[in-house]
């Protein structure tokens, strides 16, 4: 079942009624209801939104990724279920005990998949990508030669040309960096939700190890999925949509990333469903039942 992404950007009171998310106006007027079991992501983007504790508990029990935004309307907080899988304790132990050689091999696969998706994205935009494909073939264990960084410089110099020939990818950089940040934040939440649903700790990464980052594994696994966000942003630019600010229409478009089409192991599915296959395959790797993570192929 494809879960829904729900966005609230106006003052509201959100409560629970008959296993449904009930929406009320600030004057306590009933406005609408949504089955909680249908929700995958809930994003709150207004300081005057109140959420009942009963609703919050039911959302988390149903593995909803609960996201809050800051004053700049960027996702800043994420709440996830602490008990997302009935074999969670077993999977935690297998994840924690994973050997360094295994984690290095998994990161090698991750970087290779990312570079191949970046290459395919460039090719579909009629841009040269031979170097990316060559670097993807040469990725070694743990990406010891730094092909990911080399590929990033190559990719970002080309992907938005000729529309933005001087584009530089930076979190605090000029537009459309803000759109990329927003899209990646939503993608990160979807990945973290899927990891929890598969019984894994999103904090313990296979490559990312920042002690201040609570989502290191999510940041690892989302890497090959990033080009799907890039493609959505570039589509908006080519359509002449405004990209200097995060307007309502732009946010609504970026929130659809969870339902973008992806192809994994020869099968098409929405991104949220595909991610479940990716994280389930990672569980099998930690359990020593497989040596391959199932990542998407960019085929847009």
C-alpha atoms as a PDB file:
ATOM      1  CA  UNK A   1       0.000   0.000   0.000  1.00  0.00           C
ATOM      2  CA  UNK A   2       1.321   3.441  -0.959  1.00  0.00           C
ATOM      3  CA  UNK A   3       1.266   5.711   2.059  1.00  0.00           C
ATOM      4  CA  UNK A   4       0.217   9.354   1.767  1.00  0.00           C
ATOM      5  CA  UNK A   5       2.343  12.434   2.388  1.00  0.00           C
ATOM      6  CA  UNK A   6       0.283  14.997   4.323  1.00  0.00           C
ATOM      7  CA  UNK A   7       1.307  18.676   4.571  1.00  0.00           C
ATOM      8  CA  UNK A   8      -0.127  21.318   6.903  1.00  0.00           C
ATOM      9  CA  UNK A   9       0.881  24.949   6.340  1.00  0.00           C
ATOM     10  CA  UNK A  10      -1.896  26.839   8.164  1.00  0.00           C
ATOM     11  CA  UNK A  11      -2.971  27.175  11.815  1.00  0.00           C
ATOM     12  CA  UNK A  12      -4.852  24.063  12.900  1.00  0.00           C
ATOM     13  CA  UNK A  13      -5.573  21.666  15.722  1.00  0.00           C
ATOM     14  CA  UNK A  14      -4.831  18.025  14.884  1.00  0.00           C
ATOM     15  CA  UNK A  15      -6.471  15.399  17.024  1.00  0.00           C
ATOM     16  CA  UNK A  16      -7.490  11.757  16.882  1.00  0.00           C
ATOM     17  CA  UNK A  17     -11.000  10.434  16.358  1.00  0.00           C
ATOM     18  CA  UNK A  18     -11.915   6.820  15.524  1.00  0.00           C
ATOM     19  CA  UNK A  19      -8.357   5.970  14.368  1.00  0.00           C
ATOM     20  CA  UNK A  20      -8.377   8.961  12.056  1.00  0.00           C
ATOM     21  CA  UNK A  21      -6.404  12.192  12.052  1.00  0.00           C
ATOM     22  CA  UNK A  22      -9.072  14.823  12.697  1.00  0.00           C
ATOM     23  CA  UNK A  23      -8.390  18.363  11.492  1.00  0.00           C
ATOM     24  CA  UNK A  24      -9.951  21.314  13.317  1.00  0.00           C
ATOM     25  CA  UNK A  25      -9.698  25.046  12.744  1.00  0.00           C
ATOM     26  CA  UNK A  26      -8.250  27.302  15.482  1.00  0.00           C
ATOM     27  CA  UNK A  27     -11.890  27.969  16.440  1.00  0.00           C
ATOM     28  CA  UNK A  28     -12.428  24.219  16.960  1.00  0.00           C
ATOM     29  CA  UNK A  29     -14.477  23.744  13.795  1.00  0.00           C
ATOM     30  CA  UNK A  30     -14.157  20.254  12.321  1.00  0.00           C
ATOM     31  CA  UNK A  31     -12.637  20.436   8.818  1.00  0.00           C
ATOM     32  CA  UNK A  32     -11.621  16.958   7.658  1.00  0.00           C
ATOM     33  CA  UNK A  33     -10.331  13.533   8.679  1.00  0.00           C
ATOM     34  CA  UNK A  34      -7.695  11.167   7.274  1.00  0.00           C
ATOM     35  CA  UNK A  35      -7.246   7.475   8.155  1.00  0.00           C
ATOM     36  CA  UNK A  36      -4.036   7.212  10.175  1.00  0.00           C
ATOM     37  CA  UNK A  37      -3.167   3.892   8.523  1.00  0.00           C
ATOM     38  CA  UNK A  38      -2.995   5.690   5.145  1.00  0.00           C
ATOM     39  CA  UNK A  39      -0.336   8.195   6.250  1.00  0.00           C
ATOM     40  CA  UNK A  40       3.386   7.692   5.645  1.00  0.00           C
ATOM     41  CA  UNK A  41       4.720  11.220   6.163  1.00  0.00           C
ATOM     42  CA  UNK A  42       3.203  14.110   8.104  1.00  0.00           C
ATOM     43  CA  UNK A  43       4.847  17.514   7.650  1.00  0.00           C
ATOM     44  CA  UNK A  44       3.922  20.480   9.865  1.00  0.00           C
ATOM     45  CA  UNK A  45       4.926  23.901   8.550  1.00  0.00           C
ATOM     46  CA  UNK A  46       3.288  26.532  10.773  1.00  0.00           C
ATOM     47  CA  UNK A  47       4.024  27.632  14.362  1.00  0.00           C
ATOM     48  CA  UNK A  48       0.311  27.667  15.248  1.00  0.00           C
ATOM     49  CA  UNK A  49      -0.349  23.959  14.716  1.00  0.00           C
ATOM     50  CA  UNK A  50      -1.281  21.976  17.810  1.00  0.00           C
ATOM     51  CA  UNK A  51      -1.073  18.169  17.897  1.00  0.00           C
ATOM     52  CA  UNK A  52      -2.740  16.013  20.557  1.00  0.00           C
ATOM     53  CA  UNK A  53      -0.599  13.467  22.369  1.00  0.00           C
ATOM     54  CA  UNK A  54      -3.094  10.734  21.498  1.00  0.00           C
ATOM     55  CA  UNK A  55      -2.708  11.467  17.789  1.00  0.00           C
ATOM     56  CA  UNK A  56       1.070  11.626  18.060  1.00  0.00           C
ATOM     57  CA  UNK A  57       1.178   8.204  19.700  1.00  0.00           C
ATOM     58  CA  UNK A  58      -1.013   6.627  17.017  1.00  0.00           C
ATOM     59  CA  UNK A  59       0.999   8.198  14.206  1.00  0.00           C
ATOM     60  CA  UNK A  60       4.272   6.860  15.581  1.00  0.00           C
ATOM     61  CA  UNK A  61       2.737   3.452  16.272  1.00  0.00           C
ATOM     62  CA  UNK A  62       1.837   3.326  12.579  1.00  0.00           C
ATOM     63  CA  UNK A  63       5.440   4.225  11.603  1.00  0.00           C
ATOM     64  CA  UNK A  64       4.566   7.688  10.309  1.00  0.00           C
ATOM     65  CA  UNK A  65       7.555   9.979   9.724  1.00  0.00           C
ATOM     66  CA  UNK A  66       6.568  13.065  11.737  1.00  0.00           C
ATOM     67  CA  UNK A  67       8.377  16.169  10.406  1.00  0.00           C
ATOM     68  CA  UNK A  68       8.395  19.730  11.738  1.00  0.00           C
ATOM     69  CA  UNK A  69       9.702  22.843   9.966  1.00  0.00           C
ATOM     70  CA  UNK A  70      11.599  25.901  11.184  1.00  0.00           C
ATOM     71  CA  UNK A  71      10.890  29.607  10.643  1.00  0.00           C
ATOM     72  CA  UNK A  72      12.416  29.354   7.166  1.00  0.00           C
ATOM     73  CA  UNK A  73       9.927  26.563   6.314  1.00  0.00           C
ATOM     74  CA  UNK A  74      12.678  23.962   6.046  1.00  0.00           C
ATOM     75  CA  UNK A  75      12.319  20.530   7.706  1.00  0.00           C
ATOM     76  CA  UNK A  76      14.186  20.710  10.993  1.00  0.00           C
ATOM     77  CA  UNK A  77      12.848  17.882  13.183  1.00  0.00           C
ATOM     78  CA  UNK A  78      11.918  14.241  12.641  1.00  0.00           C
ATOM     79  CA  UNK A  79      10.145  11.815  14.976  1.00  0.00           C
ATOM     80  CA  UNK A  80      10.102   8.081  14.288  1.00  0.00           C
ATOM     81  CA  UNK A  81       8.695   4.949  15.879  1.00  0.00           C
ATOM     82  CA  UNK A  82      11.048   3.304  18.391  1.00  0.00           C
ATOM     83  CA  UNK A  83       9.534  -0.126  17.806  1.00  0.00           C
ATOM     84  CA  UNK A  84       9.128  -0.412  14.064  1.00  0.00           C
ATOM     85  CA  UNK A  85       9.808  -4.129  13.549  1.00  0.00           C
ATOM     86  CA  UNK A  86       9.016  -7.275  15.557  1.00  0.00           C
ATOM     87  CA  UNK A  87      12.605  -8.555  15.055  1.00  0.00           C
ATOM     88  CA  UNK A  88      14.151  -5.213  15.915  1.00  0.00           C
ATOM     89  CA  UNK A  89      16.405  -6.489  18.721  1.00  0.00           C
ATOM     90  CA  UNK A  90      17.884  -9.168  16.460  1.00  0.00           C
ATOM     91  CA  UNK A  91      18.438  -6.726  13.592  1.00  0.00           C
ATOM     92  CA  UNK A  92      20.025  -4.190  15.963  1.00  0.00           C
ATOM     93  CA  UNK A  93      22.558  -6.797  17.130  1.00  0.00           C
ATOM     94  CA  UNK A  94      23.390  -7.830  13.566  1.00  0.00           C
ATOM     95  CA  UNK A  95      23.775  -4.206  12.495  1.00  0.00           C
ATOM     96  CA  UNK A  96      25.988  -3.305  15.457  1.00  0.00           C
ATOM     97  CA  UNK A  97      28.216  -6.362  14.946  1.00  0.00           C
ATOM     98  CA  UNK A  98      28.660  -5.805  11.190  1.00  0.00           C
ATOM     99  CA  UNK A  99      32.339  -6.094  10.257  1.00  0.00           C
ATOM    100  CA  UNK A 100      34.358  -3.230   8.816  1.00  0.00           C
ATOM    101  CA  UNK A 101      35.042  -5.158   5.562  1.00  0.00           C
ATOM    102  CA  UNK A 102      31.289  -5.622   5.087  1.00  0.00           C
ATOM    103  CA  UNK A 103      30.544  -1.942   5.699  1.00  0.00           C
ATOM    104  CA  UNK A 104      33.305  -0.938   3.286  1.00  0.00           C
ATOM    105  CA  UNK A 105      31.852  -3.250   0.631  1.00  0.00           C
ATOM    106  CA  UNK A 106      28.347  -1.863   1.201  1.00  0.00           C
ATOM    107  CA  UNK A 107      29.626   1.709   0.836  1.00  0.00           C
ATOM    108  CA  UNK A 108      31.388   0.703  -2.381  1.00  0.00           C
ATOM    109  CA  UNK A 109      28.050  -0.534  -3.756  1.00  0.00           C
ATOM    110  CA  UNK A 110      26.311   2.636  -2.565  1.00  0.00           C
ATOM    111  CA  UNK A 111      28.769   5.010  -4.238  1.00  0.00           C
ATOM    112  CA  UNK A 112      28.741   2.996  -7.459  1.00  0.00           C
ATOM    113  CA  UNK A 113      24.926   3.075  -7.585  1.00  0.00           C
ATOM    114  CA  UNK A 114      24.904   6.827  -6.951  1.00  0.00           C
ATOM    115  CA  UNK A 115      27.428   7.540  -9.712  1.00  0.00           C
ATOM    116  CA  UNK A 116      25.560   5.367 -12.217  1.00  0.00           C
ATOM    117  CA  UNK A 117      22.310   7.195 -11.422  1.00  0.00           C
ATOM    118  CA  UNK A 118      24.007  10.575 -11.797  1.00  0.00           C
ATOM    119  CA  UNK A 119      25.451   9.419 -15.123  1.00  0.00           C
ATOM    120  CA  UNK A 120      22.064   8.247 -16.378  1.00  0.00           C
ATOM    121  CA  UNK A 121      20.455  11.527 -15.320  1.00  0.00           C
ATOM    122  CA  UNK A 122      23.033  13.487 -17.303  1.00  0.00           C
ATOM    123  CA  UNK A 123      22.587  11.243 -20.344  1.00  0.00           C
ATOM    124  CA  UNK A 124      18.821  11.630 -20.296  1.00  0.00           C
ATOM    125  CA  UNK A 125      19.376  15.413 -20.335  1.00  0.00           C
ATOM    126  CA  UNK A 126      21.642  14.887 -23.399  1.00  0.00           C
ATOM    127  CA  UNK A 127      24.843  15.627 -21.495  1.00  0.00           C
ATOM    128  CA  UNK A 128      28.141  13.753 -21.518  1.00  0.00           C
ATOM    129  CA  UNK A 129      28.635  11.280 -18.676  1.00  0.00           C
ATOM    130  CA  UNK A 130      31.441   8.939 -19.803  1.00  0.00           C
ATOM    131  CA  UNK A 131      33.720  10.043 -16.964  1.00  0.00           C
ATOM    132  CA  UNK A 132      31.048   9.253 -14.369  1.00  0.00           C
ATOM    133  CA  UNK A 133      30.581   5.757 -15.775  1.00  0.00           C
ATOM    134  CA  UNK A 134      34.333   5.183 -15.796  1.00  0.00           C
ATOM    135  CA  UNK A 135      34.649   6.332 -12.176  1.00  0.00           C
ATOM    136  CA  UNK A 136      31.681   4.136 -11.179  1.00  0.00           C
ATOM    137  CA  UNK A 137      33.484   1.088 -12.553  1.00  0.00           C
ATOM    138  CA  UNK A 138      36.609   2.039 -10.625  1.00  0.00           C
ATOM    139  CA  UNK A 139      35.026   2.507  -7.182  1.00  0.00           C
ATOM    140  CA  UNK A 140      36.987   0.426  -4.685  1.00  0.00           C
ATOM    141  CA  UNK A 141      36.181  -0.817  -1.203  1.00  0.00           C
ATOM    142  CA  UNK A 142      35.068   2.121   1.008  1.00  0.00           C
ATOM    143  CA  UNK A 143      35.554   4.364  -2.054  1.00  0.00           C
ATOM    144  CA  UNK A 144      39.177   4.652  -0.934  1.00  0.00           C
ATOM    145  CA  UNK A 145      40.134   6.780  -3.956  1.00  0.00           C
ATOM    146  CA  UNK A 146      37.377   9.357  -3.411  1.00  0.00           C
ATOM    147  CA  UNK A 147      35.462   8.839  -6.654  1.00  0.00           C
ATOM    148  CA  UNK A 148      32.247  10.147  -5.064  1.00  0.00           C
ATOM    149  CA  UNK A 149      33.729  13.615  -4.470  1.00  0.00           C
ATOM    150  CA  UNK A 150      35.281  13.726  -7.940  1.00  0.00           C
ATOM    151  CA  UNK A 151      31.976  12.711  -9.495  1.00  0.00           C
ATOM    152  CA  UNK A 152      30.053  15.336  -7.507  1.00  0.00           C
ATOM    153  CA  UNK A 153      32.181  18.159  -8.912  1.00  0.00           C
ATOM    154  CA  UNK A 154      31.705  16.802 -12.449  1.00  0.00           C
ATOM    155  CA  UNK A 155      27.956  16.303 -12.022  1.00  0.00           C
ATOM    156  CA  UNK A 156      27.100  19.676 -10.476  1.00  0.00           C
ATOM    157  CA  UNK A 157      29.099  21.584 -13.072  1.00  0.00           C
ATOM    158  CA  UNK A 158      26.849  20.134 -15.780  1.00  0.00           C
ATOM    159  CA  UNK A 159      23.413  19.138 -14.569  1.00  0.00           C
ATOM    160  CA  UNK A 160      21.795  22.596 -14.445  1.00  0.00           C
ATOM    161  CA  UNK A 161      23.575  23.942 -17.541  1.00  0.00           C
ATOM    162  CA  UNK A 162      22.736  25.864 -19.669  1.00  0.00           C
ATOM    163  CA  UNK A 163      20.032  27.276 -17.379  1.00  0.00           C
ATOM    164  CA  UNK A 164      22.434  27.903 -14.481  1.00  0.00           C
ATOM    165  CA  UNK A 165      25.986  27.611 -15.850  1.00  0.00           C
ATOM    166  CA  UNK A 166      27.581  28.976 -12.651  1.00  0.00           C
ATOM    167  CA  UNK A 167      25.662  26.755 -10.207  1.00  0.00           C
ATOM    168  CA  UNK A 168      27.533  25.567  -7.129  1.00  0.00           C
ATOM    169  CA  UNK A 169      26.051  22.970  -4.825  1.00  0.00           C
ATOM    170  CA  UNK A 170      26.058  24.288  -1.261  1.00  0.00           C
ATOM    171  CA  UNK A 171      23.547  23.995   1.551  1.00  0.00           C
ATOM    172  CA  UNK A 172      23.663  27.755   2.050  1.00  0.00           C
ATOM    173  CA  UNK A 173      24.170  28.549  -1.638  1.00  0.00           C
ATOM    174  CA  UNK A 174      22.108  30.389  -4.235  1.00  0.00           C
ATOM    175  CA  UNK A 175      18.887  28.962  -5.732  1.00  0.00           C
ATOM    176  CA  UNK A 176      17.959  26.277  -6.473  1.00  0.00           C
ATOM    177  CA  UNK A 177      19.983  25.004  -3.506  1.00  0.00           C
ATOM    178  CA  UNK A 178      16.986  25.696  -1.270  1.00  0.00           C
ATOM    179  CA  UNK A 179      14.803  23.392  -3.355  1.00  0.00           C
ATOM    180  CA  UNK A 180      17.439  20.661  -3.266  1.00  0.00           C
ATOM    181  CA  UNK A 181      17.753  21.016   0.513  1.00  0.00           C
ATOM    182  CA  UNK A 182      13.991  20.689   0.937  1.00  0.00           C
ATOM    183  CA  UNK A 183      13.726  17.695  -1.374  1.00  0.00           C
ATOM    184  CA  UNK A 184      16.667  15.938   0.277  1.00  0.00           C
ATOM    185  CA  UNK A 185      15.168  16.546   3.735  1.00  0.00           C
ATOM    186  CA  UNK A 186      11.924  14.858   2.675  1.00  0.00           C
ATOM    187  CA  UNK A 187      13.889  12.013   1.071  1.00  0.00           C
ATOM    188  CA  UNK A 188      15.944  11.596   4.246  1.00  0.00           C
ATOM    189  CA  UNK A 189      12.765  11.265   6.306  1.00  0.00           C
ATOM    190  CA  UNK A 190      11.364   8.643   3.924  1.00  0.00           C
ATOM    191  CA  UNK A 191      14.625   6.682   4.128  1.00  0.00           C
ATOM    192  CA  UNK A 192      14.748   6.898   7.944  1.00  0.00           C
ATOM    193  CA  UNK A 193      11.135   5.720   8.138  1.00  0.00           C
ATOM    194  CA  UNK A 194      11.925   2.711   5.946  1.00  0.00           C
ATOM    195  CA  UNK A 195      15.026   1.842   7.987  1.00  0.00           C
ATOM    196  CA  UNK A 196      12.995   1.851  11.207  1.00  0.00           C
ATOM    197  CA  UNK A 197      10.298  -0.237   9.531  1.00  0.00           C
ATOM    198  CA  UNK A 198      12.966  -2.792   8.608  1.00  0.00           C
ATOM    199  CA  UNK A 199      14.203  -2.925  12.188  1.00  0.00           C
ATOM    200  CA  UNK A 200      17.429  -0.960  11.761  1.00  0.00           C
ATOM    201  CA  UNK A 201      18.988   1.908  13.688  1.00  0.00           C
ATOM    202  CA  UNK A 202      19.112   4.972  11.401  1.00  0.00           C
ATOM    203  CA  UNK A 203      21.875   6.405  13.623  1.00  0.00           C
ATOM    204  CA  UNK A 204      24.577   3.774  12.927  1.00  0.00           C
ATOM    205  CA  UNK A 205      25.925   4.356   9.423  1.00  0.00           C
ATOM    206  CA  UNK A 206      28.033   2.229   7.140  1.00  0.00           C
ATOM    207  CA  UNK A 207      30.084   5.276   6.107  1.00  0.00           C
ATOM    208  CA  UNK A 208      28.764   8.456   7.761  1.00  0.00           C
ATOM    209  CA  UNK A 209      29.942   8.582  11.383  1.00  0.00           C
ATOM    210  CA  UNK A 210      29.363  12.137  12.614  1.00  0.00           C
ATOM    211  CA  UNK A 211      28.753  11.840  16.365  1.00  0.00           C
ATOM    212  CA  UNK A 212      26.257  14.719  16.188  1.00  0.00           C
ATOM    213  CA  UNK A 213      24.193  13.142  13.375  1.00  0.00           C
ATOM    214  CA  UNK A 214      21.248  10.997  14.463  1.00  0.00           C
ATOM    215  CA  UNK A 215      20.608   9.755  10.906  1.00  0.00           C
ATOM    216  CA  UNK A 216      23.974   8.555   9.609  1.00  0.00           C
ATOM    217  CA  UNK A 217      22.575   5.374   8.051  1.00  0.00           C
ATOM    218  CA  UNK A 218      19.736   7.306   6.407  1.00  0.00           C
ATOM    219  CA  UNK A 219      22.338   9.655   4.906  1.00  0.00           C
ATOM    220  CA  UNK A 220      24.225   6.627   3.572  1.00  0.00           C
ATOM    221  CA  UNK A 221      21.266   4.845   2.008  1.00  0.00           C
ATOM    222  CA  UNK A 222      19.693   7.938   0.439  1.00  0.00           C
ATOM    223  CA  UNK A 223      22.757   8.668  -1.730  1.00  0.00           C
ATOM    224  CA  UNK A 224      21.677   6.687  -4.858  1.00  0.00           C
ATOM    225  CA  UNK A 225      18.178   8.184  -4.517  1.00  0.00           C
ATOM    226  CA  UNK A 226      19.359  11.816  -4.630  1.00  0.00           C
ATOM    227  CA  UNK A 227      19.239  12.108  -8.450  1.00  0.00           C
ATOM    228  CA  UNK A 228      15.460  11.635  -8.281  1.00  0.00           C
ATOM    229  CA  UNK A 229      15.237  14.880  -6.293  1.00  0.00           C
ATOM    230  CA  UNK A 230      17.684  16.567  -8.679  1.00  0.00           C
ATOM    231  CA  UNK A 231      15.506  15.559 -11.624  1.00  0.00           C
ATOM    232  CA  UNK A 232      12.391  16.985  -9.999  1.00  0.00           C
ATOM    233  CA  UNK A 233      14.109  20.328  -9.373  1.00  0.00           C
ATOM    234  CA  UNK A 234      15.508  20.479 -12.917  1.00  0.00           C
ATOM    235  CA  UNK A 235      12.069  19.679 -14.359  1.00  0.00           C
ATOM    236  CA  UNK A 236      10.651  22.701 -12.534  1.00  0.00           C
ATOM    237  CA  UNK A 237      13.444  24.929 -13.843  1.00  0.00           C
ATOM    238  CA  UNK A 238      12.908  23.746 -17.423  1.00  0.00           C
ATOM    239  CA  UNK A 239       9.152  24.305 -17.063  1.00  0.00           C
ATOM    240  CA  UNK A 240       9.819  27.923 -16.087  1.00  0.00           C
ATOM    241  CA  UNK A 241       8.597  27.480 -12.513  1.00  0.00           C
ATOM    242  CA  UNK A 242       9.912  29.925  -9.883  1.00  0.00           C
ATOM    243  CA  UNK A 243      12.798  28.421  -7.955  1.00  0.00           C
ATOM    244  CA  UNK A 244      14.179  31.333  -5.943  1.00  0.00           C
ATOM    245  CA  UNK A 245      11.785  30.691  -3.049  1.00  0.00           C
ATOM    246  CA  UNK A 246       9.961  27.734  -1.566  1.00  0.00           C
ATOM    247  CA  UNK A 247       6.401  28.627  -2.506  1.00  0.00           C
ATOM    248  CA  UNK A 248       3.367  26.457  -1.820  1.00  0.00           C
ATOM    249  CA  UNK A 249       3.299  24.939  -5.319  1.00  0.00           C
ATOM    250  CA  UNK A 250       7.013  24.141  -5.159  1.00  0.00           C
ATOM    251  CA  UNK A 251       6.673  22.422  -1.783  1.00  0.00           C
ATOM    252  CA  UNK A 252       3.712  20.387  -2.985  1.00  0.00           C
ATOM    253  CA  UNK A 253       5.734  19.242  -5.988  1.00  0.00           C
ATOM    254  CA  UNK A 254       8.762  18.257  -3.904  1.00  0.00           C
ATOM    255  CA  UNK A 255       6.587  16.380  -1.423  1.00  0.00           C
ATOM    256  CA  UNK A 256       5.650  13.977  -4.221  1.00  0.00           C
ATOM    257  CA  UNK A 257       9.177  12.540  -4.181  1.00  0.00           C
ATOM    258  CA  UNK A 258       7.869   9.655  -2.046  1.00  0.00           C
ATOM    259  CA  UNK A 259       5.697   8.502  -4.958  1.00  0.00           C
ATOM    260  CA  UNK A 260       8.223   9.074  -7.769  1.00  0.00           C
ATOM    261  CA  UNK A 261       8.684   6.059 -10.046  1.00  0.00           C
ATOM    262  CA  UNK A 262      11.824   3.992  -9.450  1.00  0.00           C
ATOM    263  CA  UNK A 263      13.077   0.739 -10.941  1.00  0.00           C
ATOM    264  CA  UNK A 264      14.750  -1.841  -8.702  1.00  0.00           C
ATOM    265  CA  UNK A 265      15.940  -5.241  -9.869  1.00  0.00           C
ATOM    266  CA  UNK A 266      13.785  -4.985 -12.998  1.00  0.00           C
ATOM    267  CA  UNK A 267      10.586  -3.973 -11.200  1.00  0.00           C
ATOM    268  CA  UNK A 268       8.928  -0.531 -11.174  1.00  0.00           C
ATOM    269  CA  UNK A 269       7.397   0.889  -8.008  1.00  0.00           C
ATOM    270  CA  UNK A 270       6.845   4.175  -6.133  1.00  0.00           C
ATOM    271  CA  UNK A 271      10.003   5.366  -4.381  1.00  0.00           C
ATOM    272  CA  UNK A 272       8.580   4.711  -0.904  1.00  0.00           C
ATOM    273  CA  UNK A 273       7.878   1.091  -1.840  1.00  0.00           C
ATOM    274  CA  UNK A 274      11.256   0.712  -3.536  1.00  0.00           C
ATOM    275  CA  UNK A 275      12.980   1.967  -0.407  1.00  0.00           C
ATOM    276  CA  UNK A 276      11.384  -0.832   1.573  1.00  0.00           C
ATOM    277  CA  UNK A 277      13.125  -3.282  -0.766  1.00  0.00           C
ATOM    278  CA  UNK A 278      16.409  -1.402  -0.326  1.00  0.00           C
ATOM    279  CA  UNK A 279      16.309  -1.419   3.468  1.00  0.00           C
ATOM    280  CA  UNK A 280      15.088  -5.034   3.599  1.00  0.00           C
ATOM    281  CA  UNK A 281      18.064  -6.029   1.444  1.00  0.00           C
ATOM    282  CA  UNK A 282      20.372  -4.180   3.860  1.00  0.00           C
ATOM    283  CA  UNK A 283      18.931  -6.238   6.727  1.00  0.00           C
ATOM    284  CA  UNK A 284      19.841  -9.400   4.792  1.00  0.00           C
ATOM    285  CA  UNK A 285      23.377  -8.090   4.306  1.00  0.00           C
ATOM    286  CA  UNK A 286      23.820  -7.474   8.031  1.00  0.00           C
ATOM    287  CA  UNK A 287      22.397 -10.963   8.694  1.00  0.00           C
ATOM    288  CA  UNK A 288      24.997 -12.423   6.275  1.00  0.00           C
ATOM    289  CA  UNK A 289      22.217 -13.796   4.071  1.00  0.00           C
ATOM    290  CA  UNK A 290      23.204 -11.598   1.123  1.00  0.00           C
ATOM    291  CA  UNK A 291      26.055  -9.353  -0.007  1.00  0.00           C
ATOM    292  CA  UNK A 292      24.071  -6.964  -2.215  1.00  0.00           C
ATOM    293  CA  UNK A 293      21.950  -3.899  -1.469  1.00  0.00           C
ATOM    294  CA  UNK A 294      19.090  -3.414  -3.918  1.00  0.00           C
ATOM    295  CA  UNK A 295      19.328   0.166  -5.169  1.00  0.00           C
ATOM    296  CA  UNK A 296      17.218   1.893  -7.843  1.00  0.00           C
ATOM    297  CA  UNK A 297      18.269   2.459 -11.431  1.00  0.00           C
ATOM    298  CA  UNK A 298      17.538   5.967 -12.706  1.00  0.00           C
ATOM    299  CA  UNK A 299      15.322   5.441 -15.769  1.00  0.00           C
ATOM    300  CA  UNK A 300      13.226   8.622 -15.899  1.00  0.00           C
END
